[in-house]
PDB file of N, CA and C in Angstrom:
ATOM      1  N   MET A   1       1.387  -0.982  -0.387  1.00  0.00           N
ATOM      2  CA  MET A   1       0.131   0.183   0.322  1.00  0.00           C
ATOM      3  C   MET A   1       0.683   1.486  -0.127  1.00  0.00           C
ATOM      4  N   ARG A   2       0.629   2.439  -1.163  1.00  0.00           N
ATOM      5  CA  ARG A   2       1.060   3.145  -0.915  1.00  0.00           C
ATOM      6  C   ARG A   2       1.218   4.676  -0.251  1.00  0.00           C
ATOM      7  N   ALA A   3       2.281   5.290   0.338  1.00  0.00           N
ATOM      8  CA  ALA A   3       1.465   5.590   2.151  1.00  0.00           C
ATOM      9  C   ALA A   3       1.016   7.230   1.531  1.00  0.00           C
ATOM     10  N   MET A   4      -0.705   7.441   2.329  1.00  0.00           N
ATOM     11  CA  MET A   4      -0.904   8.744   1.594  1.00  0.00           C
ATOM     12  C   MET A   4      -0.464   9.673   2.563  1.00  0.00           C
ATOM     13  N   ALA A   5      -0.750  11.026   1.775  1.00  0.00           N
ATOM     14  CA  ALA A   5       0.221  11.921   2.433  1.00  0.00           C
ATOM     15  C   ALA A   5      -1.440  12.329   2.735  1.00  0.00           C
ATOM     16  N   LEU A   6      -1.888  12.191   3.892  1.00  0.00           N
ATOM     17  CA  LEU A   6      -3.072  13.570   4.567  1.00  0.00           C
ATOM     18  C   LEU A   6      -3.230  14.220   5.211  1.00  0.00           C
ATOM     19  N   LEU A   7      -4.146  16.171   5.409  1.00  0.00           N
ATOM     20  CA  LEU A   7      -3.311  16.860   5.001  1.00  0.00           C
ATOM     21  C   LEU A   7      -4.696  17.391   6.445  1.00  0.00           C
ATOM     22  N   GLU A   8      -4.136  18.210   7.682  1.00  0.00           N
ATOM     23  CA  GLU A   8      -4.759  18.596   8.559  1.00  0.00           C
ATOM     24  C   GLU A   8      -4.699  19.698   8.977  1.00  0.00           C
ATOM     25  N   PHE A   9      -4.747  21.362   7.945  1.00  0.00           N
ATOM     26  CA  PHE A   9      -4.833  22.388   8.319  1.00  0.00           C
ATOM     27  C   PHE A   9      -5.483  23.217   9.605  1.00  0.00           C
ATOM     28  N   PHE A  10      -5.096  23.019  11.001  1.00  0.00           N
ATOM     29  CA  PHE A  10      -5.531  23.737  11.989  1.00  0.00           C
ATOM     30  C   PHE A  10      -5.618  25.809  12.490  1.00  0.00           C
ATOM     31  N   GLY A  11      -6.266  26.051  13.503  1.00  0.00           N
ATOM     32  CA  GLY A  11      -5.912  26.810  14.613  1.00  0.00           C
ATOM     33  C   GLY A  11      -6.606  26.860  15.617  1.00  0.00           C
ATOM     34  N   THR A  12      -5.480  26.663  16.226  1.00  0.00           N
ATOM     35  CA  THR A  12      -4.748  26.525  18.208  1.00  0.00           C
ATOM     36  C   THR A  12      -6.868  26.477  18.730  1.00  0.00           C
ATOM     37  N   GLU A  13      -6.447  28.104  18.435  1.00  0.00           N
ATOM     38  CA  GLU A  13      -7.877  28.126  19.411  1.00  0.00           C
ATOM     39  C   GLU A  13      -9.421  28.440  18.247  1.00  0.00           C
ATOM     40  N   CYS A  14      -9.377  27.327  17.212  1.00  0.00           N
ATOM     41  CA  CYS A  14     -10.951  26.834  16.602  1.00  0.00           C
ATOM     42  C   CYS A  14     -11.324  26.210  17.131  1.00  0.00           C
ATOM     43  N   SER A  15     -12.207  26.893  17.544  1.00  0.00           N
ATOM     44  CA  SER A  15     -13.754  25.883  18.099  1.00  0.00           C
ATOM     45  C   SER A  15     -14.057  24.262  16.688  1.00  0.00           C
ATOM     46  N   HIS A  16     -14.162  24.924  15.606  1.00  0.00           N
ATOM     47  CA  HIS A  16     -14.164  23.515  15.247  1.00  0.00           C
ATOM     48  C   HIS A  16     -13.102  23.035  14.871  1.00  0.00           C
ATOM     49  N   CYS A  17     -12.216  23.169  14.828  1.00  0.00           N
ATOM     50  CA  CYS A  17     -10.702  21.700  14.495  1.00  0.00           C
ATOM     51  C   CYS A  17     -11.174  21.256  15.968  1.00  0.00           C
ATOM     52  N   ASN A  18     -11.803  21.900  17.188  1.00  0.00           N
ATOM     53  CA  ASN A  18     -10.861  20.707  18.113  1.00  0.00           C
ATOM     54  C   ASN A  18     -11.916  20.149  18.435  1.00  0.00           C
ATOM     55  N   ALA A  19     -13.175  20.428  17.323  1.00  0.00           N
ATOM     56  CA  ALA A  19     -14.766  19.907  17.930  1.00  0.00           C
ATOM     57  C   ALA A  19     -13.762  18.090  16.851  1.00  0.00           C
ATOM     58  N   THR A  20     -13.004  18.739  15.516  1.00  0.00           N
ATOM     59  CA  THR A  20     -12.574  17.344  14.922  1.00  0.00           C
ATOM     60  C   THR A  20     -11.747  16.842  14.593  1.00  0.00           C
ATOM     61  N   ARG A  21     -11.154  16.558  16.726  1.00  0.00           N
ATOM     62  CA  ARG A  21      -9.865  16.813  16.685  1.00  0.00           C
ATOM     63  C   ARG A  21     -10.400  14.550  16.746  1.00  0.00           C
ATOM     64  N   PRO A  22     -11.374  15.195  17.953  1.00  0.00           N
ATOM     65  CA  PRO A  22     -11.661  13.703  18.511  1.00  0.00           C
ATOM     66  C   PRO A  22     -11.507  12.861  17.276  1.00  0.00           C
ATOM     67  N   LEU A  23     -12.405  12.980  16.339  1.00  0.00           N
ATOM     68  CA  LEU A  23     -12.711  12.362  15.334  1.00  0.00           C
ATOM     69  C   LEU A  23     -11.513  11.233  13.580  1.00  0.00           C
ATOM     70  N   VAL A  24     -10.024  12.134  14.457  1.00  0.00           N
ATOM     71  CA  VAL A  24      -9.195  12.923  13.616  1.00  0.00           C
ATOM     72  C   VAL A  24      -7.791  11.824  13.959  1.00  0.00           C
ATOM     73  N   GLU A  25      -7.952  11.721  15.409  1.00  0.00           N
ATOM     74  CA  GLU A  25      -7.537  10.396  16.578  1.00  0.00           C
ATOM     75  C   GLU A  25      -7.962   8.826  16.195  1.00  0.00           C
ATOM     76  N   ARG A  26      -9.431   9.196  15.888  1.00  0.00           N
ATOM     77  CA  ARG A  26     -10.231   7.954  15.641  1.00  0.00           C
ATOM     78  C   ARG A  26      -9.977   8.100  14.756  1.00  0.00           C
ATOM     79  N   LEU A  27      -9.869   8.322  13.664  1.00  0.00           N
ATOM     80  CA  LEU A  27      -9.864   7.468  12.048  1.00  0.00           C
ATOM     81  C   LEU A  27      -8.167   7.620  12.615  1.00  0.00           C
ATOM     82  N   GLU A  28      -7.506   7.621  12.177  1.00  0.00           N
ATOM     83  CA  GLU A  28      -5.561   7.379  12.300  1.00  0.00           C
ATOM     84  C   GLU A  28      -6.458   5.924  12.987  1.00  0.00           C
ATOM     85  N   LYS A  29      -6.887   5.348  14.021  1.00  0.00           N
ATOM     86  CA  LYS A  29      -6.342   4.698  14.988  1.00  0.00           C
ATOM     87  C   LYS A  29      -7.006   3.147  14.320  1.00  0.00           C
ATOM     88  N   ASP A  30      -8.183   3.413  13.595  1.00  0.00           N
ATOM     89  CA  ASP A  30      -9.398   2.571  12.723  1.00  0.00           C
ATOM     90  C   ASP A  30      -8.963   2.800  11.662  1.00  0.00           C
ATOM     91  N   ALA A  31      -8.273   3.403  10.907  1.00  0.00           N
ATOM     92  CA  ALA A  31      -8.024   3.392   9.620  1.00  0.00           C
ATOM     93  C   ALA A  31      -6.457   2.823   9.357  1.00  0.00           C
ATOM     94  N   LYS A  32      -5.597   3.012   9.955  1.00  0.00           N
ATOM     95  CA  LYS A  32      -4.223   2.457  10.242  1.00  0.00           C
ATOM     96  C   LYS A  32      -3.865   4.151   9.409  1.00  0.00           C
ATOM     97  N   VAL A  33      -3.700   4.597   9.340  1.00  0.00           N
ATOM     98  CA  VAL A  33      -3.227   6.366   8.327  1.00  0.00           C
ATOM     99  C   VAL A  33      -2.450   7.520   9.856  1.00  0.00           C
ATOM    100  N   LYS A  34      -1.986   7.836   8.933  1.00  0.00           N
ATOM    101  CA  LYS A  34      -1.397   9.995   9.473  1.00  0.00           C
ATOM    102  C   LYS A  34      -2.111  10.539   9.295  1.00  0.00           C
ATOM    103  N   VAL A  35      -2.138  11.646   9.506  1.00  0.00           N
ATOM    104  CA  VAL A  35      -2.411  12.894   9.390  1.00  0.00           C
ATOM    105  C   VAL A  35      -2.180  13.652   9.708  1.00  0.00           C
ATOM    106  N   GLU A  36      -1.309  14.149   9.199  1.00  0.00           N
ATOM    107  CA  GLU A  36      -0.287  15.872   9.252  1.00  0.00           C
ATOM    108  C   GLU A  36      -1.438  17.148   9.851  1.00  0.00           C
ATOM    109  N   LYS A  37      -0.616  17.239  10.754  1.00  0.00           N
ATOM    110  CA  LYS A  37      -1.321  18.042  11.289  1.00  0.00           C
ATOM    111  C   LYS A  37      -0.580  19.481  11.348  1.00  0.00           C
ATOM    112  N   LEU A  38      -1.324  20.507  10.599  1.00  0.00           N
ATOM    113  CA  LEU A  38      -0.464  21.623  10.898  1.00  0.00           C
ATOM    114  C   LEU A  38      -1.466  23.094  10.785  1.00  0.00           C
ATOM    115  N   GLU A  39      -0.738  23.626  12.676  1.00  0.00           N
ATOM    116  CA  GLU A  39      -1.159  24.461  12.358  1.00  0.00           C
ATOM    117  C   GLU A  39      -0.581  25.875  12.127  1.00  0.00           C
ATOM    118  N   VAL A  40      -1.774  26.852  11.584  1.00  0.00           N
ATOM    119  CA  VAL A  40      -1.290  28.105  10.917  1.00  0.00           C
ATOM    120  C   VAL A  40      -2.191  29.459  11.206  1.00  0.00           C
ATOM    121  N   TRP A  41      -3.029  29.129  12.751  1.00  0.00           N
ATOM    122  CA  TRP A  41      -2.861  30.330  12.947  1.00  0.00           C
ATOM    123  C   TRP A  41      -1.951  31.796  13.737  1.00  0.00           C
ATOM    124  N   HIS A  42      -0.538  30.982  13.775  1.00  0.00           N
ATOM    125  CA  HIS A  42       0.628  30.632  14.494  1.00  0.00           C
ATOM    126  C   HIS A  42       1.394  30.772  14.123  1.00  0.00           C
ATOM    127  N   ASN A  43       2.221  30.080  12.190  1.00  0.00           N
ATOM    128  CA  ASN A  43       3.020  29.154  12.411  1.00  0.00           C
ATOM    129  C   ASN A  43       3.145  29.974  10.976  1.00  0.00           C
ATOM    130  N   ASP A  44       4.345  30.590  10.456  1.00  0.00           N
ATOM    131  CA  ASP A  44       3.476  31.082   8.909  1.00  0.00           C
ATOM    132  C   ASP A  44       4.562  30.689   7.774  1.00  0.00           C
ATOM    133  N   GLU A  45       5.432  29.887   8.074  1.00  0.00           N
ATOM    134  CA  GLU A  45       5.262  28.487   7.356  1.00  0.00           C
ATOM    135  C   GLU A  45       4.066  27.767   6.517  1.00  0.00           C
ATOM    136  N   ASN A  46       2.962  27.326   8.230  1.00  0.00           N
ATOM    137  CA  ASN A  46       1.684  26.060   8.336  1.00  0.00           C
ATOM    138  C   ASN A  46       1.350  26.428   6.799  1.00  0.00           C
ATOM    139  N   ALA A  47       1.081  28.403   7.084  1.00  0.00           N
ATOM    140  CA  ALA A  47       0.164  29.047   6.791  1.00  0.00           C
ATOM    141  C   ALA A  47       0.467  28.854   4.952  1.00  0.00           C
ATOM    142  N   LYS A  48       1.459  29.205   4.797  1.00  0.00           N
ATOM    143  CA  LYS A  48       1.984  28.763   3.398  1.00  0.00           C
ATOM    144  C   LYS A  48       1.717  28.224   3.295  1.00  0.00           C
ATOM    145  N   LYS A  49       1.620  26.714   3.649  1.00  0.00           N
ATOM    146  CA  LYS A  49       1.716  25.812   2.906  1.00  0.00           C
ATOM    147  C   LYS A  49       0.346  25.244   2.896  1.00  0.00           C
ATOM    148  N   MET A  50      -0.070  25.605   3.727  1.00  0.00           N
ATOM    149  CA  MET A  50      -1.550  25.855   3.764  1.00  0.00           C
ATOM    150  C   MET A  50      -2.218  26.414   2.079  1.00  0.00           C
ATOM    151  N   GLU A  51      -2.180  27.821   1.097  1.00  0.00           N
ATOM    152  CA  GLU A  51      -2.381  28.959   0.056  1.00  0.00           C
ATOM    153  C   GLU A  51      -1.995  27.726  -0.353  1.00  0.00           C
ATOM    154  N   GLU A  52      -0.529  26.975  -0.491  1.00  0.00           N
ATOM    155  CA  GLU A  52      -0.345  26.188  -1.576  1.00  0.00           C
ATOM    156  C   GLU A  52      -1.540  25.048  -2.053  1.00  0.00           C
ATOM    157  N   TYR A  53      -2.062  24.033  -1.235  1.00  0.00           N
ATOM    158  CA  TYR A  53      -2.726  23.322  -1.433  1.00  0.00           C
ATOM    159  C   TYR A  53      -4.253  23.796  -1.595  1.00  0.00           C
ATOM    160  N   ASP A  54      -4.347  25.336  -0.400  1.00  0.00           N
ATOM    161  CA  ASP A  54      -6.479  25.394  -0.321  1.00  0.00           C
ATOM    162  C   ASP A  54      -6.974  26.383  -2.043  1.00  0.00           C
ATOM    163  N   LYS A  55      -4.765  27.032  -2.195  1.00  0.00           N
ATOM    164  CA  LYS A  55      -6.011  27.840  -4.133  1.00  0.00           C
ATOM    165  C   LYS A  55      -7.696  28.407  -3.814  1.00  0.00           C
ATOM    166  N   ASN A  56      -8.080  28.427  -2.627  1.00  0.00           N
ATOM    167  CA  ASN A  56      -9.613  29.097  -3.260  1.00  0.00           C
ATOM    168  C   ASN A  56     -10.595  27.877  -2.978  1.00  0.00           C
ATOM    169  N   LEU A  57      -9.875  27.010  -2.247  1.00  0.00           N
ATOM    170  CA  LEU A  57     -10.711  25.927  -1.999  1.00  0.00           C
ATOM    171  C   LEU A  57     -11.993  26.354  -0.863  1.00  0.00           C
ATOM    172  N   CYS A  58     -10.705  26.278   0.193  1.00  0.00           N
ATOM    173  CA  CYS A  58     -12.032  26.921   1.763  1.00  0.00           C
ATOM    174  C   CYS A  58     -11.490  28.110   2.141  1.00  0.00           C
ATOM    175  N   GLY A  59     -10.521  28.342   2.026  1.00  0.00           N
ATOM    176  CA  GLY A  59     -10.021  29.892   2.660  1.00  0.00           C
ATOM    177  C   GLY A  59     -10.282  29.657   3.968  1.00  0.00           C
ATOM    178  N   GLY A  60     -10.052  28.767   4.908  1.00  0.00           N
ATOM    179  CA  GLY A  60     -10.549  28.592   6.532  1.00  0.00           C
ATOM    180  C   GLY A  60     -10.194  27.765   6.827  1.00  0.00           C
ATOM    181  N   VAL A  61      -9.753  27.113   8.322  1.00  0.00           N
ATOM    182  CA  VAL A  61      -9.431  25.811   8.657  1.00  0.00           C
ATOM    183  C   VAL A  61     -10.519  25.416   9.388  1.00  0.00           C
ATOM    184  N   PRO A  62     -11.286  24.295   9.513  1.00  0.00           N
ATOM    185  CA  PRO A  62     -10.712  22.892   9.228  1.00  0.00           C
ATOM    186  C   PRO A  62      -9.978  23.115   7.946  1.00  0.00           C
ATOM    187  N   PHE A  63      -9.189  22.711   7.911  1.00  0.00           N
ATOM    188  CA  PHE A  63      -9.098  22.219   5.455  1.00  0.00           C
ATOM    189  C   PHE A  63      -7.885  21.330   5.645  1.00  0.00           C
ATOM    190  N   PHE A  64      -8.836  19.653   5.627  1.00  0.00           N
ATOM    191  CA  PHE A  64      -8.276  18.451   4.555  1.00  0.00           C
ATOM    192  C   PHE A  64      -8.265  17.720   3.651  1.00  0.00           C
ATOM    193  N   TYR A  65      -7.130  17.507   3.377  1.00  0.00           N
ATOM    194  CA  TYR A  65      -6.437  17.551   1.925  1.00  0.00           C
ATOM    195  C   TYR A  65      -5.958  16.368   2.151  1.00  0.00           C
ATOM    196  N   ASN A  66      -5.538  15.446   0.536  1.00  0.00           N
ATOM    197  CA  ASN A  66      -5.277  14.965   0.249  1.00  0.00           C
ATOM    198  C   ASN A  66      -4.415  14.371  -0.759  1.00  0.00           C
ATOM    199  N   THR A  67      -3.320  14.655  -0.044  1.00  0.00           N
ATOM    200  CA  THR A  67      -2.440  15.146  -0.934  1.00  0.00           C
ATOM    201  C   THR A  67      -2.512  14.173  -2.533  1.00  0.00           C
ATOM    202  N   GLU A  68      -2.987  13.114  -2.385  1.00  0.00           N
ATOM    203  CA  GLU A  68      -2.263  11.177  -3.691  1.00  0.00           C
ATOM    204  C   GLU A  68      -3.648  11.781  -3.704  1.00  0.00           C
ATOM    205  N   THR A  69      -4.972  11.571  -3.582  1.00  0.00           N
ATOM    206  CA  THR A  69      -6.680  11.389  -4.497  1.00  0.00           C
ATOM    207  C   THR A  69      -7.284  13.164  -4.727  1.00  0.00           C
ATOM    208  N   LYS A  70      -6.349  14.273  -3.904  1.00  0.00           N
ATOM    209  CA  LYS A  70      -6.591  15.691  -4.459  1.00  0.00           C
ATOM    210  C   LYS A  70      -8.116  15.802  -3.549  1.00  0.00           C
ATOM    211  N   LYS A  71      -9.426  15.214  -2.509  1.00  0.00           N
ATOM    212  CA  LYS A  71     -10.261  15.047  -2.237  1.00  0.00           C
ATOM    213  C   LYS A  71      -9.063  16.429  -1.387  1.00  0.00           C
ATOM    214  N   TRP A  72     -10.682  17.303  -1.078  1.00  0.00           N
ATOM    215  CA  TRP A  72     -10.203  18.027   0.213  1.00  0.00           C
ATOM    216  C   TRP A  72     -11.473  18.397   0.892  1.00  0.00           C
ATOM    217  N   ILE A  73     -11.831  18.894   2.018  1.00  0.00           N
ATOM    218  CA  ILE A  73     -12.645  18.831   2.879  1.00  0.00           C
ATOM    219  C   ILE A  73     -13.014  20.237   3.698  1.00  0.00           C
ATOM    220  N   CYS A  74     -13.349  20.646   3.095  1.00  0.00           N
ATOM    221  CA  CYS A  74     -13.496  22.319   4.535  1.00  0.00           C
ATOM    222  C   CYS A  74     -14.890  22.746   5.651  1.00  0.00           C
ATOM    223  N   GLY A  75     -14.312  22.437   6.327  1.00  0.00           N
ATOM    224  CA  GLY A  75     -14.507  22.898   8.055  1.00  0.00           C
ATOM    225  C   GLY A  75     -15.192  21.308   9.298  1.00  0.00           C
ATOM    226  N   GLU A  76     -15.654  21.708   9.628  1.00  0.00           N
ATOM    227  CA  GLU A  76     -16.043  20.176  10.611  1.00  0.00           C
ATOM    228  C   GLU A  76     -16.537  18.812   9.693  1.00  0.00           C
ATOM    229  N   ALA A  77     -16.199  18.021   9.871  1.00  0.00           N
ATOM    230  CA  ALA A  77     -16.455  17.090   9.083  1.00  0.00           C
ATOM    231  C   ALA A  77     -16.817  15.313  10.005  1.00  0.00           C
ATOM    232  N   SER A  78     -18.423  15.124   9.756  1.00  0.00           N
ATOM    233  CA  SER A  78     -18.083  13.574  10.185  1.00  0.00           C
ATOM    234  C   SER A  78     -17.285  12.505   9.997  1.00  0.00           C
ATOM    235  N   TYR A  79     -16.965  11.799  11.474  1.00  0.00           N
ATOM    236  CA  TYR A  79     -15.479  11.404  11.024  1.00  0.00           C
ATOM    237  C   TYR A  79     -16.439   9.390   9.428  1.00  0.00           C
ATOM    238  N   GLU A  80     -17.714   9.818   9.256  1.00  0.00           N
ATOM    239  CA  GLU A  80     -18.224   9.002   7.971  1.00  0.00           C
ATOM    240  C   GLU A  80     -16.899  10.156   6.479  1.00  0.00           C
ATOM    241  N   GLU A  81     -17.036  10.687   6.960  1.00  0.00           N
ATOM    242  CA  GLU A  81     -16.698  11.777   6.018  1.00  0.00           C
ATOM    243  C   GLU A  81     -15.509  11.391   5.632  1.00  0.00           C
ATOM    244  N   LEU A  82     -14.801  11.936   7.006  1.00  0.00           N
ATOM    245  CA  LEU A  82     -13.147  12.139   6.797  1.00  0.00           C
ATOM    246  C   LEU A  82     -12.657   9.638   6.739  1.00  0.00           C
ATOM    247  N   LYS A  83     -12.999   9.417   6.820  1.00  0.00           N
ATOM    248  CA  LYS A  83     -13.194   8.450   6.773  1.00  0.00           C
ATOM    249  C   LYS A  83     -12.387   8.228   5.113  1.00  0.00           C
ATOM    250  N   LYS A  84     -13.764   8.561   4.819  1.00  0.00           N
ATOM    251  CA  LYS A  84     -14.299   8.460   2.327  1.00  0.00           C
ATOM    252  C   LYS A  84     -13.064   8.986   1.818  1.00  0.00           C
ATOM    253  N   TRP A  85     -12.586  10.473   2.672  1.00  0.00           N
ATOM    254  CA  TRP A  85     -11.859  11.063   2.174  1.00  0.00           C
ATOM    255  C   TRP A  85     -10.418  10.583   2.855  1.00  0.00           C
ATOM    256  N   ALA A  86     -10.100   9.616   3.597  1.00  0.00           N
ATOM    257  CA  ALA A  86      -8.775   9.543   4.472  1.00  0.00           C
ATOM    258  C   ALA A  86      -8.791   8.744   3.126  1.00  0.00           C
ATOM    259  N   VAL A  87      -9.952   7.319   3.281  1.00  0.00           N
ATOM    260  CA  VAL A  87      -9.049   6.282   2.755  1.00  0.00           C
ATOM    261  C   VAL A  87     -10.370   5.740   1.578  1.00  0.00           C
ATOM    262  N   GLY A  88     -11.483   6.286   1.163  1.00  0.00           N
ATOM    263  CA  GLY A  88     -11.374   6.512  -0.140  1.00  0.00           C
ATOM    264  C   GLY A  88     -13.090   5.819   0.036  1.00  0.00           C
TER     265      GLY A  88
END
């Protein structure tokens, strides 16, 4: 199986990001995937990286991007949505 690059862009104080965190942790455990978490509100390098992937798709956080499938999720998502995004 090829390694997937699953990215989560988030803001530390973002209530939507914090609400999604337990679902991402569950996804990593259940689906045996790793989501790279990148904080963008206090980290300029991560904010620039988000701009490279976002390209006017979301414009905010949380923003989930799968570099293999090019699929993304804007905002809060259910566990089922996250799983479909991560593993198809």
